[in-house]
Amino acid sequence: MRVGIVTVGDELLSGDTENTNATWLCDRLDARGVEVRRVTTLPDDVADIARTVNEYYAEYDAVIVTGGLGPTHDDRTMEGVAAAFGRELVEHPDAVEWLDGQDGYSAADLADGTAHLPAGARLLENDSGVAPGAVVETVYVLPGVPAEMRAMFERIADEFSGTPRHVVTVEVDEPESALIDRLEELRDRFDVTVGSYPGETVRIKLTAEEVATAEEAAGWLRERVQSPA
């Protein structure tokens, strides 16, 4: 399964808010064997959202969009997704019923538009807030507030699946540039994906569909590199 992620918010682009949603979603999807192909951050602009969602919808098996959901002036995410499909935002009967069933809340008490979703969308209930999410075709629209986004994703996590992969990490106490030949030989010998991440040491990440393949490749590499003391 191939997925594109779209995170929406002016505050993400200005650096006022750290984009933890993208990192968290990539980690959770990777653990399920899902291949995240692209992550894009967009401003609170309906045209930008619609254009990117439309592109990703055509290219990937599913799209996850996170951002401000609700009726306030800067919550444009749901409107942008609706525009991508040429649909109107309409009061969703399931959203009204869900909101009326929440302790201390009633749809009538909330700001106009809280229960509006793209026409024909599937409701996603929000266990940690009042703004509902939605599924339009294969586009999943989740809140931008991290706690709300994570809780809502857990409701739909089983709808995302792929080929499980096994990861082994090898730490190397050598310059990354000195490893080029050995890493090329590693790729030639084993059916693994190799990632190289320099820091105080160089962290080599080996990913394979088979546990035995990843472990064998890691063993081969450890015999040919200098490990940290």
C-alpha atoms as a PDB file:
ATOM      1  CA  MET A   1       0.000   0.000   0.000  1.00  0.00           C
ATOM      2  CA  ARG A   2       1.324   3.427  -1.032  1.00  0.00           C
ATOM      3  CA  VAL A   3       0.234   6.512   0.877  1.00  0.00           C
ATOM      4  CA  GLY A   4       0.669  10.267   0.583  1.00  0.00           C
ATOM      5  CA  ILE A   5       0.425  12.541   3.625  1.00  0.00           C
ATOM      6  CA  VAL A   6      -0.691  16.173   3.546  1.00  0.00           C
ATOM      7  CA  THR A   7      -0.320  18.346   6.645  1.00  0.00           C
ATOM      8  CA  VAL A   8      -2.098  21.693   6.562  1.00  0.00           C
ATOM      9  CA  GLY A   9      -1.435  24.828   8.570  1.00  0.00           C
ATOM     10  CA  ASP A  10       0.169  28.250   8.220  1.00  0.00           C
ATOM     11  CA  GLU A  11       1.658  27.698  11.667  1.00  0.00           C
ATOM     12  CA  LEU A  12       3.624  24.684  10.372  1.00  0.00           C
ATOM     13  CA  LEU A  13       5.162  26.682   7.539  1.00  0.00           C
ATOM     14  CA  SER A  14       6.065  29.626   9.772  1.00  0.00           C
ATOM     15  CA  GLY A  15       7.745  27.351  12.307  1.00  0.00           C
ATOM     16  CA  ASP A  16       5.354  28.353  15.089  1.00  0.00           C
ATOM     17  CA  THR A  17       4.289  24.700  15.483  1.00  0.00           C
ATOM     18  CA  GLU A  18       6.443  21.609  15.067  1.00  0.00           C
ATOM     19  CA  ASN A  19       5.035  19.142  12.551  1.00  0.00           C
ATOM     20  CA  THR A  20       4.885  16.130  14.861  1.00  0.00           C
ATOM     21  CA  ASN A  21       1.836  14.734  13.054  1.00  0.00           C
ATOM     22  CA  ALA A  22       3.836  13.868   9.942  1.00  0.00           C
ATOM     23  CA  THR A  23       6.569  12.100  11.906  1.00  0.00           C
ATOM     24  CA  TRP A  24       4.077  10.151  14.006  1.00  0.00           C
ATOM     25  CA  LEU A  25       2.010   9.051  11.013  1.00  0.00           C
ATOM     26  CA  CYS A  26       5.090   7.952   9.053  1.00  0.00           C
ATOM     27  CA  ASP A  27       6.241   5.863  12.009  1.00  0.00           C
ATOM     28  CA  ARG A  28       2.842   4.218  12.525  1.00  0.00           C
ATOM     29  CA  LEU A  29       2.349   3.506   8.834  1.00  0.00           C
ATOM     30  CA  ASP A  30       5.858   2.117   8.413  1.00  0.00           C
ATOM     31  CA  ALA A  31       5.223  -0.254  11.319  1.00  0.00           C
ATOM     32  CA  ARG A  32       2.208  -1.562   9.410  1.00  0.00           C
ATOM     33  CA  GLY A  33       4.267  -2.180   6.268  1.00  0.00           C
ATOM     34  CA  VAL A  34       2.751   0.807   4.459  1.00  0.00           C
ATOM     35  CA  GLU A  35       4.989   2.748   2.080  1.00  0.00           C
ATOM     36  CA  VAL A  36       4.759   6.500   2.604  1.00  0.00           C
ATOM     37  CA  ARG A  37       5.747   8.020  -0.725  1.00  0.00           C
ATOM     38  CA  ARG A  38       5.423  11.743  -0.040  1.00  0.00           C
ATOM     39  CA  VAL A  39       4.774  14.185   2.787  1.00  0.00           C
ATOM     40  CA  THR A  40       3.703  17.725   1.898  1.00  0.00           C
ATOM     41  CA  THR A  41       2.944  20.695   4.143  1.00  0.00           C
ATOM     42  CA  LEU A  42       0.518  23.289   2.819  1.00  0.00           C
ATOM     43  CA  PRO A  43      -0.855  26.642   3.954  1.00  0.00           C
ATOM     44  CA  ASP A  44      -4.478  27.131   4.969  1.00  0.00           C
ATOM     45  CA  ASP A  45      -5.466  27.723   1.361  1.00  0.00           C
ATOM     46  CA  VAL A  46      -8.368  25.917  -0.278  1.00  0.00           C
ATOM     47  CA  ALA A  47      -6.863  25.913  -3.777  1.00  0.00           C
ATOM     48  CA  ASP A  48      -3.517  24.520  -2.596  1.00  0.00           C
ATOM     49  CA  ILE A  49      -5.226  21.799  -0.577  1.00  0.00           C
ATOM     50  CA  ALA A  50      -7.583  20.837  -3.399  1.00  0.00           C
ATOM     51  CA  ARG A  51      -4.819  20.668  -5.994  1.00  0.00           C
ATOM     52  CA  THR A  52      -2.496  18.522  -3.871  1.00  0.00           C
ATOM     53  CA  VAL A  53      -5.220  16.176  -2.624  1.00  0.00           C
ATOM     54  CA  ASN A  54      -6.427  15.693  -6.193  1.00  0.00           C
ATOM     55  CA  GLU A  55      -2.886  14.810  -7.326  1.00  0.00           C
ATOM     56  CA  TYR A  56      -2.238  12.423  -4.440  1.00  0.00           C
ATOM     57  CA  TYR A  57      -5.651  10.766  -4.782  1.00  0.00           C
ATOM     58  CA  ALA A  58      -4.819   9.873  -8.396  1.00  0.00           C
ATOM     59  CA  GLU A  59      -1.323   8.629  -7.548  1.00  0.00           C
ATOM     60  CA  TYR A  60      -1.557   6.718  -4.262  1.00  0.00           C
ATOM     61  CA  ASP A  61      -3.704   4.023  -2.687  1.00  0.00           C
ATOM     62  CA  ALA A  62      -4.722   6.385   0.112  1.00  0.00           C
ATOM     63  CA  VAL A  63      -4.158   9.952   1.253  1.00  0.00           C
ATOM     64  CA  ILE A  64      -4.085  11.171   4.858  1.00  0.00           C
ATOM     65  CA  VAL A  65      -4.771  14.866   5.388  1.00  0.00           C
ATOM     66  CA  THR A  66      -4.336  16.522   8.780  1.00  0.00           C
ATOM     67  CA  GLY A  67      -5.154  20.103   9.645  1.00  0.00           C
ATOM     68  CA  GLY A  68      -7.648  22.423  11.210  1.00  0.00           C
ATOM     69  CA  LEU A  69     -11.138  20.950  11.082  1.00  0.00           C
ATOM     70  CA  GLY A  70     -14.062  23.099  12.076  1.00  0.00           C
ATOM     71  CA  PRO A  71     -15.868  26.307  11.239  1.00  0.00           C
ATOM     72  CA  THR A  72     -13.301  28.965  12.218  1.00  0.00           C
ATOM     73  CA  HIS A  73     -11.791  31.330   9.640  1.00  0.00           C
ATOM     74  CA  ASP A  74      -8.490  29.442   9.294  1.00  0.00           C
ATOM     75  CA  ASP A  75      -9.907  25.904   9.247  1.00  0.00           C
ATOM     76  CA  ARG A  76      -9.847  25.320   5.496  1.00  0.00           C
ATOM     77  CA  THR A  77      -8.853  21.666   5.355  1.00  0.00           C
ATOM     78  CA  MET A  78     -12.305  20.110   4.947  1.00  0.00           C
ATOM     79  CA  GLU A  79     -13.270  22.754   2.416  1.00  0.00           C
ATOM     80  CA  GLY A  80     -10.133  22.043   0.410  1.00  0.00           C
ATOM     81  CA  VAL A  81     -10.790  18.289   0.362  1.00  0.00           C
ATOM     82  CA  ALA A  82     -14.394  18.885  -0.710  1.00  0.00           C
ATOM     83  CA  ALA A  83     -13.158  21.106  -3.531  1.00  0.00           C
ATOM     84  CA  ALA A  84     -10.739  18.395  -4.690  1.00  0.00           C
ATOM     85  CA  PHE A  85     -13.744  16.176  -5.421  1.00  0.00           C
ATOM     86  CA  GLY A  86     -16.061  18.930  -6.643  1.00  0.00           C
ATOM     87  CA  ARG A  87     -18.369  18.432  -3.669  1.00  0.00           C
ATOM     88  CA  GLU A  88     -20.176  20.821  -1.355  1.00  0.00           C
ATOM     89  CA  LEU A  89     -19.781  20.951   2.394  1.00  0.00           C
ATOM     90  CA  VAL A  90     -23.135  19.910   3.814  1.00  0.00           C
ATOM     91  CA  GLU A  91     -24.522  19.208   7.255  1.00  0.00           C
ATOM     92  CA  HIS A  92     -23.851  15.516   7.760  1.00  0.00           C
ATOM     93  CA  PRO A  93     -26.659  13.672   9.589  1.00  0.00           C
ATOM     94  CA  ASP A  94     -24.265  11.180  11.183  1.00  0.00           C
ATOM     95  CA  ALA A  95     -22.113  14.047  12.459  1.00  0.00           C
ATOM     96  CA  VAL A  96     -25.166  15.779  13.951  1.00  0.00           C
ATOM     97  CA  GLU A  97     -26.273  12.561  15.645  1.00  0.00           C
ATOM     98  CA  TRP A  98     -22.771  11.933  16.980  1.00  0.00           C
ATOM     99  CA  LEU A  99     -22.404  15.455  18.335  1.00  0.00           C
ATOM    100  CA  ASP A 100     -25.823  15.290  19.985  1.00  0.00           C
ATOM    101  CA  GLY A 101     -24.706  12.107  21.726  1.00  0.00           C
ATOM    102  CA  GLN A 102     -21.616  13.671  23.301  1.00  0.00           C
ATOM    103  CA  ASP A 103     -21.769  14.501  26.996  1.00  0.00           C
ATOM    104  CA  GLY A 104     -22.066  18.237  27.430  1.00  0.00           C
ATOM    105  CA  TYR A 105     -22.392  18.937  23.728  1.00  0.00           C
ATOM    106  CA  SER A 106     -25.175  19.394  21.239  1.00  0.00           C
ATOM    107  CA  ALA A 107     -24.807  20.113  17.557  1.00  0.00           C
ATOM    108  CA  ALA A 108     -27.131  23.071  18.036  1.00  0.00           C
ATOM    109  CA  ASP A 109     -24.822  24.556  20.688  1.00  0.00           C
ATOM    110  CA  LEU A 110     -21.724  24.543  18.483  1.00  0.00           C
ATOM    111  CA  ALA A 111     -20.651  27.049  15.863  1.00  0.00           C
ATOM    112  CA  ASP A 112     -22.330  26.791  12.490  1.00  0.00           C
ATOM    113  CA  GLY A 113     -20.436  24.411  10.234  1.00  0.00           C
ATOM    114  CA  THR A 114     -19.078  22.079  12.920  1.00  0.00           C
ATOM    115  CA  ALA A 115     -21.131  19.184  11.536  1.00  0.00           C
ATOM    116  CA  HIS A 116     -20.453  20.026   7.870  1.00  0.00           C
ATOM    117  CA  LEU A 117     -18.537  17.425   5.839  1.00  0.00           C
ATOM    118  CA  PRO A 118     -18.061  16.874   2.094  1.00  0.00           C
ATOM    119  CA  ALA A 119     -21.235  15.486   0.549  1.00  0.00           C
ATOM    120  CA  GLY A 120     -21.243  11.699   0.642  1.00  0.00           C
ATOM    121  CA  ALA A 121     -18.337  11.467   3.092  1.00  0.00           C
ATOM    122  CA  ARG A 122     -18.018   8.848   5.821  1.00  0.00           C
ATOM    123  CA  LEU A 123     -17.934  10.278   9.320  1.00  0.00           C
ATOM    124  CA  LEU A 124     -14.917   9.726  11.546  1.00  0.00           C
ATOM    125  CA  GLU A 125     -15.785  10.316  15.179  1.00  0.00           C
ATOM    126  CA  ASN A 126     -13.399  12.389  17.289  1.00  0.00           C
ATOM    127  CA  ASP A 127     -12.745  10.727  20.656  1.00  0.00           C
ATOM    128  CA  SER A 128     -10.721  13.687  21.941  1.00  0.00           C
ATOM    129  CA  GLY A 129     -12.543  16.705  20.523  1.00  0.00           C
ATOM    130  CA  VAL A 130     -15.690  17.970  18.827  1.00  0.00           C
ATOM    131  CA  ALA A 131     -14.564  18.465  15.207  1.00  0.00           C
ATOM    132  CA  PRO A 132     -15.382  15.288  13.245  1.00  0.00           C
ATOM    133  CA  GLY A 133     -13.117  13.829  10.599  1.00  0.00           C
ATOM    134  CA  ALA A 134     -14.163  12.272   7.324  1.00  0.00           C
ATOM    135  CA  VAL A 135     -13.282   9.789   4.602  1.00  0.00           C
ATOM    136  CA  VAL A 136     -13.912  10.828   0.999  1.00  0.00           C
ATOM    137  CA  GLU A 137     -13.195   7.972  -1.381  1.00  0.00           C
ATOM    138  CA  THR A 138      -9.644   7.041  -0.259  1.00  0.00           C
ATOM    139  CA  VAL A 139      -8.817  10.390   1.350  1.00  0.00           C
ATOM    140  CA  TYR A 140      -8.814  10.406   5.158  1.00  0.00           C
ATOM    141  CA  VAL A 141      -9.252  13.817   6.785  1.00  0.00           C
ATOM    142  CA  LEU A 142      -8.006  14.004  10.388  1.00  0.00           C
ATOM    143  CA  PRO A 143      -7.676  16.864  12.912  1.00  0.00           C
ATOM    144  CA  GLY A 144      -4.497  18.856  13.276  1.00  0.00           C
ATOM    145  CA  VAL A 145      -4.413  18.709  17.076  1.00  0.00           C
ATOM    146  CA  PRO A 146      -1.969  15.829  17.722  1.00  0.00           C
ATOM    147  CA  ALA A 147      -3.963  14.085  20.475  1.00  0.00           C
ATOM    148  CA  GLU A 148      -7.131  14.201  18.361  1.00  0.00           C
ATOM    149  CA  MET A 149      -5.329  13.090  15.201  1.00  0.00           C
ATOM    150  CA  ARG A 150      -3.716  10.101  16.922  1.00  0.00           C
ATOM    151  CA  ALA A 151      -6.948   8.930  18.517  1.00  0.00           C
ATOM    152  CA  MET A 152      -8.804   9.210  15.216  1.00  0.00           C
ATOM    153  CA  PHE A 153      -6.076   7.382  13.301  1.00  0.00           C
ATOM    154  CA  GLU A 154      -6.307   4.460  15.709  1.00  0.00           C
ATOM    155  CA  ARG A 155      -9.965   4.116  14.691  1.00  0.00           C
ATOM    156  CA  ILE A 156      -8.954   3.531  11.057  1.00  0.00           C
ATOM    157  CA  ALA A 157      -5.476   2.010  11.442  1.00  0.00           C
ATOM    158  CA  ASP A 158      -6.642  -1.404  10.243  1.00  0.00           C
ATOM    159  CA  GLU A 159      -7.575   0.163   6.896  1.00  0.00           C
ATOM    160  CA  PHE A 160      -3.854   0.653   6.216  1.00  0.00           C
ATOM    161  CA  SER A 161      -1.750  -2.426   5.574  1.00  0.00           C
ATOM    162  CA  GLY A 162       1.244  -3.539   3.582  1.00  0.00           C
ATOM    163  CA  THR A 163       4.106  -5.985   3.558  1.00  0.00           C
ATOM    164  CA  PRO A 164       5.747  -6.179   7.002  1.00  0.00           C
ATOM    165  CA  ARG A 165       9.438  -5.335   6.921  1.00  0.00           C
ATOM    166  CA  HIS A 166      12.232  -6.168   9.302  1.00  0.00           C
ATOM    167  CA  VAL A 167      14.758  -3.507  10.315  1.00  0.00           C
ATOM    168  CA  VAL A 168      18.236  -3.980  11.763  1.00  0.00           C
ATOM    169  CA  THR A 169      20.497  -1.047  12.662  1.00  0.00           C
ATOM    170  CA  VAL A 170      24.294  -1.218  12.624  1.00  0.00           C
ATOM    171  CA  GLU A 171      26.314   1.545  14.268  1.00  0.00           C
ATOM    172  CA  VAL A 172      29.644   2.343  12.625  1.00  0.00           C
ATOM    173  CA  ASP A 173      32.518   4.396  14.004  1.00  0.00           C
ATOM    174  CA  GLU A 174      33.872   5.491  10.629  1.00  0.00           C
ATOM    175  CA  PRO A 175      33.195   8.488   8.355  1.00  0.00           C
ATOM    176  CA  GLU A 176      30.182   7.990   6.101  1.00  0.00           C
ATOM    177  CA  SER A 177      32.283   8.727   3.014  1.00  0.00           C
ATOM    178  CA  ALA A 178      34.612   5.821   3.882  1.00  0.00           C
ATOM    179  CA  LEU A 179      31.720   3.340   3.728  1.00  0.00           C
ATOM    180  CA  ILE A 180      30.625   3.884   0.131  1.00  0.00           C
ATOM    181  CA  ASP A 181      32.266   0.798  -1.387  1.00  0.00           C
ATOM    182  CA  ARG A 182      31.141  -1.531   1.389  1.00  0.00           C
ATOM    183  CA  LEU A 183      27.569  -0.286   1.265  1.00  0.00           C
ATOM    184  CA  GLU A 184      27.474  -0.736  -2.510  1.00  0.00           C
ATOM    185  CA  GLU A 185      28.701  -4.319  -2.092  1.00  0.00           C
ATOM    186  CA  LEU A 186      26.105  -4.844   0.638  1.00  0.00           C
ATOM    187  CA  ARG A 187      23.331  -3.806  -1.750  1.00  0.00           C
ATOM    188  CA  ASP A 188      24.685  -6.099  -4.448  1.00  0.00           C
ATOM    189  CA  ARG A 189      24.834  -9.113  -2.129  1.00  0.00           C
ATOM    190  CA  PHE A 190      21.543  -8.747  -0.226  1.00  0.00           C
ATOM    191  CA  ASP A 191      17.974  -7.793  -1.049  1.00  0.00           C
ATOM    192  CA  VAL A 192      17.888  -4.929   1.449  1.00  0.00           C
ATOM    193  CA  THR A 193      17.205  -1.215   1.492  1.00  0.00           C
ATOM    194  CA  VAL A 194      20.102   0.686   3.033  1.00  0.00           C
ATOM    195  CA  GLY A 195      19.835   4.004   4.848  1.00  0.00           C
ATOM    196  CA  SER A 196      22.888   5.876   6.140  1.00  0.00           C
ATOM    197  CA  TYR A 197      22.469   8.482   8.899  1.00  0.00           C
ATOM    198  CA  PRO A 198      25.584  10.285  10.174  1.00  0.00           C
ATOM    199  CA  GLY A 199      25.893  11.739  13.664  1.00  0.00           C
ATOM    200  CA  GLU A 200      28.377  11.027  16.431  1.00  0.00           C
ATOM    201  CA  THR A 201      28.509   7.635  14.750  1.00  0.00           C
ATOM    202  CA  VAL A 202      27.069   6.510  11.416  1.00  0.00           C
ATOM    203  CA  ARG A 203      23.820   4.605  11.810  1.00  0.00           C
ATOM    204  CA  ILE A 204      23.191   2.125   8.989  1.00  0.00           C
ATOM    205  CA  LYS A 205      19.555   1.045   8.713  1.00  0.00           C
ATOM    206  CA  LEU A 206      18.923  -2.227   6.863  1.00  0.00           C
ATOM    207  CA  THR A 207      15.361  -3.021   5.827  1.00  0.00           C
ATOM    208  CA  ALA A 208      14.170  -6.278   4.258  1.00  0.00           C
ATOM    209  CA  GLU A 209      10.944  -8.206   3.856  1.00  0.00           C
ATOM    210  CA  GLU A 210      12.533 -11.308   5.378  1.00  0.00           C
ATOM    211  CA  VAL A 211      13.976 -11.336   8.905  1.00  0.00           C
ATOM    212  CA  ALA A 212      16.760 -13.721   7.871  1.00  0.00           C
ATOM    213  CA  THR A 213      17.830 -11.441   5.023  1.00  0.00           C
ATOM    214  CA  ALA A 214      18.108  -8.370   7.243  1.00  0.00           C
ATOM    215  CA  GLU A 215      19.999 -10.261   9.937  1.00  0.00           C
ATOM    216  CA  GLU A 216      22.384 -11.868   7.450  1.00  0.00           C
ATOM    217  CA  ALA A 217      23.127  -8.515   5.832  1.00  0.00           C
ATOM    218  CA  ALA A 218      23.718  -6.912   9.234  1.00  0.00           C
ATOM    219  CA  GLY A 219      26.114  -9.704  10.216  1.00  0.00           C
ATOM    220  CA  TRP A 220      28.028  -9.332   6.952  1.00  0.00           C
ATOM    221  CA  LEU A 221      28.355  -5.566   7.507  1.00  0.00           C
ATOM    222  CA  ARG A 222      29.416  -5.805  11.149  1.00  0.00           C
ATOM    223  CA  GLU A 223      32.353  -8.009  10.137  1.00  0.00           C
ATOM    224  CA  ARG A 224      33.609  -5.312   7.767  1.00  0.00           C
ATOM    225  CA  VAL A 225      33.210  -2.075   9.712  1.00  0.00           C
ATOM    226  CA  GLN A 226      34.613  -0.530  12.852  1.00  0.00           C
ATOM    227  CA  SER A 227      32.077  -0.564  15.679  1.00  0.00           C
ATOM    228  CA  PRO A 228      31.922   2.096  18.409  1.00  0.00           C
ATOM    229  CA  ALA A 229      33.987   1.317  21.486  1.00  0.00           C
END
